[in-house]
Structures are given as C-alpha cells and as structure tokens.
N, C-alpha and C. Protein backbone atom coordinates (compact mmCIF):
# COMPACT_ATOMS: atom_id res chain seq x y z
N MET A 1 109.05 -11.76 -20.69
CA MET A 1 109.57 -10.45 -20.32
C MET A 1 109.97 -9.58 -21.46
N PHE A 2 109.62 -8.34 -21.30
CA PHE A 2 109.64 -7.13 -22.15
C PHE A 2 110.71 -6.19 -21.75
N ASP A 3 111.51 -6.36 -22.89
CA ASP A 3 112.83 -5.32 -22.72
C ASP A 3 112.29 -3.97 -23.47
N GLN A 4 112.18 -3.13 -22.62
CA GLN A 4 111.90 -1.84 -22.85
C GLN A 4 112.96 -1.15 -24.32
N ASP A 5 114.07 -1.35 -23.91
CA ASP A 5 115.52 -0.98 -24.89
C ASP A 5 115.41 -1.48 -26.14
N ARG A 6 115.07 -2.77 -26.04
CA ARG A 6 115.30 -3.44 -27.67
C ARG A 6 113.54 -3.53 -28.32
N ASN A 7 112.74 -2.79 -27.16
CA ASN A 7 111.25 -3.14 -27.52
C ASN A 7 110.90 -4.24 -28.26
N ALA A 8 111.14 -5.51 -27.42
CA ALA A 8 111.01 -6.72 -27.68
C ALA A 8 110.17 -7.67 -26.60
N TRP A 9 109.80 -8.57 -26.84
CA TRP A 9 109.16 -9.68 -25.78
C TRP A 9 110.33 -10.51 -25.87
N PHE A 10 110.74 -11.45 -24.72
CA PHE A 10 111.94 -12.34 -24.50
C PHE A 10 111.24 -13.50 -23.59
N ALA A 11 111.64 -14.80 -23.90
CA ALA A 11 111.05 -15.89 -23.34
C ALA A 11 112.64 -16.74 -22.83
N TRP A 12 112.72 -17.27 -21.77
CA TRP A 12 113.64 -18.22 -21.21
C TRP A 12 113.43 -19.48 -22.04
N ALA A 13 114.54 -19.59 -22.66
CA ALA A 13 115.09 -21.42 -23.40
C ALA A 13 116.10 -21.74 -22.86
N GLU A 14 115.97 -23.00 -21.80
CA GLU A 14 117.04 -23.55 -21.12
C GLU A 14 118.22 -22.58 -20.40
N THR A 15 118.87 -21.87 -21.43
CA THR A 15 120.01 -21.25 -20.90
C THR A 15 120.16 -19.89 -21.10
N ARG A 16 119.37 -19.44 -21.76
CA ARG A 16 119.37 -18.13 -22.35
C ARG A 16 118.05 -17.26 -22.54
N TRP A 17 117.98 -15.94 -22.81
CA TRP A 17 116.61 -15.24 -23.21
C TRP A 17 116.69 -15.11 -24.82
N MET A 18 115.53 -15.87 -25.48
CA MET A 18 115.59 -15.66 -26.69
C MET A 18 114.23 -14.83 -27.26
N GLU A 19 114.44 -13.94 -28.24
CA GLU A 19 113.25 -13.16 -28.59
C GLU A 19 112.11 -14.11 -29.20
N VAL A 20 111.06 -13.64 -28.60
CA VAL A 20 109.66 -13.96 -29.05
C VAL A 20 109.44 -13.91 -30.75
N ALA A 21 109.23 -14.74 -31.27
CA ALA A 21 109.16 -14.61 -32.61
C ALA A 21 107.85 -13.82 -33.27
N ASP A 22 106.95 -14.27 -32.59
CA ASP A 22 105.33 -13.85 -32.75
C ASP A 22 104.84 -13.26 -31.54
N PRO A 23 105.11 -12.02 -31.02
CA PRO A 23 104.69 -11.87 -29.78
C PRO A 23 102.76 -11.52 -29.87
N ALA A 24 102.26 -11.45 -30.97
CA ALA A 24 101.04 -11.63 -30.87
C ALA A 24 100.27 -12.70 -30.64
N ASN A 25 100.97 -13.91 -30.14
CA ASN A 25 100.51 -15.21 -29.80
C ASN A 25 100.76 -15.39 -28.26
N LEU A 26 101.48 -14.23 -27.69
CA LEU A 26 101.95 -14.60 -26.39
C LEU A 26 100.43 -14.15 -25.58
N ARG A 27 100.26 -14.97 -24.34
CA ARG A 27 99.03 -14.88 -23.74
C ARG A 27 99.35 -15.27 -22.15
N ILE A 28 98.63 -14.52 -21.30
CA ILE A 28 98.80 -15.15 -19.84
C ILE A 28 97.93 -16.18 -19.62
N GLY A 29 98.53 -17.40 -19.35
CA GLY A 29 97.74 -18.43 -19.34
C GLY A 29 97.05 -19.08 -17.97
N ASN A 30 97.63 -18.19 -16.96
CA ASN A 30 96.61 -18.44 -15.54
C ASN A 30 96.02 -17.20 -14.91
N PRO A 31 94.89 -17.26 -14.77
CA PRO A 31 94.37 -15.74 -14.09
C PRO A 31 95.30 -15.79 -12.52
N ARG A 32 96.03 -16.43 -12.42
CA ARG A 32 96.92 -16.06 -11.11
C ARG A 32 98.49 -16.20 -11.39
N PHE A 33 98.96 -14.92 -11.40
CA PHE A 33 100.24 -14.59 -11.97
C PHE A 33 101.09 -13.77 -11.11
N THR A 34 102.39 -13.79 -11.07
CA THR A 34 103.08 -12.65 -10.62
C THR A 34 103.60 -11.51 -11.69
N GLY A 35 103.33 -10.13 -11.42
CA GLY A 35 103.89 -9.63 -12.30
C GLY A 35 105.07 -8.47 -11.80
N THR A 36 106.21 -8.84 -12.36
CA THR A 36 107.27 -7.96 -11.45
C THR A 36 107.81 -6.96 -12.54
N GLY A 37 108.39 -6.14 -12.48
CA GLY A 37 109.25 -4.80 -13.20
C GLY A 37 110.00 -4.13 -12.90
N THR A 38 109.70 -2.61 -13.38
CA THR A 38 110.58 -1.79 -13.55
C THR A 38 110.09 -0.51 -12.60
N ARG A 39 110.68 0.25 -12.02
CA ARG A 39 110.10 1.64 -11.55
C ARG A 39 110.07 2.47 -12.51
N LEU A 40 110.80 2.11 -13.62
CA LEU A 40 111.21 3.45 -14.98
C LEU A 40 110.29 2.87 -16.22
N LEU A 41 109.08 2.56 -16.20
CA LEU A 41 108.11 2.25 -17.07
C LEU A 41 107.94 3.23 -18.20
N GLU A 42 108.20 3.06 -19.13
CA GLU A 42 108.30 3.83 -20.41
C GLU A 42 106.89 3.55 -21.19
N GLU A 43 106.41 4.48 -22.49
CA GLU A 43 105.63 4.10 -23.39
C GLU A 43 105.47 2.95 -23.72
N ASN A 44 106.28 2.44 -24.38
CA ASN A 44 106.43 1.23 -25.33
C ASN A 44 106.39 -0.12 -23.92
N GLY A 45 106.79 0.01 -22.62
CA GLY A 45 106.36 -0.78 -22.00
C GLY A 45 104.85 -1.09 -21.75
N ARG A 46 104.49 0.29 -21.05
CA ARG A 46 103.13 0.54 -21.10
C ARG A 46 102.42 -0.29 -22.19
N ARG A 47 102.59 0.19 -23.26
CA ARG A 47 101.57 -0.34 -24.27
C ARG A 47 101.85 -1.95 -24.47
N ALA A 48 102.84 -2.47 -24.49
CA ALA A 48 103.03 -3.61 -24.35
C ALA A 48 102.23 -4.61 -23.23
N ILE A 49 102.59 -4.09 -22.03
CA ILE A 49 101.29 -4.71 -21.06
C ILE A 49 100.05 -4.49 -21.17
N ARG A 50 99.71 -3.25 -21.73
CA ARG A 50 98.11 -3.10 -22.29
C ARG A 50 97.90 -4.42 -23.17
N GLU A 51 98.45 -4.42 -24.27
CA GLU A 51 98.21 -5.25 -25.35
C GLU A 51 98.14 -6.79 -25.02
N LEU A 52 99.04 -7.00 -23.87
CA LEU A 52 99.24 -8.64 -23.48
C LEU A 52 97.97 -8.80 -22.64
N PHE A 53 97.42 -7.87 -21.55
CA PHE A 53 96.40 -7.99 -20.93
C PHE A 53 95.19 -8.34 -21.97
N GLU A 54 94.92 -7.51 -22.89
CA GLU A 54 94.00 -7.38 -23.79
C GLU A 54 93.76 -8.72 -24.36
N ARG A 55 94.70 -9.41 -24.97
CA ARG A 55 94.66 -10.44 -25.47
C ARG A 55 94.74 -11.41 -24.48
N SER A 56 94.99 -11.22 -23.47
CA SER A 56 94.79 -12.68 -22.26
C SER A 56 93.51 -12.36 -21.80
N PHE A 57 92.96 -11.49 -21.51
CA PHE A 57 91.66 -11.36 -20.29
C PHE A 57 90.60 -10.79 -20.82
N LYS A 58 89.95 -10.93 -22.29
CA LYS A 58 89.23 -10.72 -23.27
C LYS A 58 87.75 -11.32 -22.30
C-alpha cells in the first residue's frame, strides 16, 4: 500500500502496517491482481505505481 501523505510503501505485518524498508525490491508477483486506490491520485502516487509496474512487468 502506498501512502501518498507519507510518500512511502507499507506492507501488512500480522497486526499493523509496517513501512517497507527497501521499496526498490517490491514487485507484483502474479499477472492477476486487484488494484484498488483513491480517487485523489497525486503525482507521488502516480510515480510510485508507474515505478512498481516497470519493475514488475519488464
């Protein structure tokens, strides 16, 4: 999950959201996935999603 206000990626860790230490290692692992989000996508969110897709679907 990308938090636009914090400008950081987070992952669920059993009971809470934890900031991802190295977001450059994030990848979408399956070609079938559900992407949900906000109606108010900001430029940092757009960039984070674009970079994630570039890493995941080369």
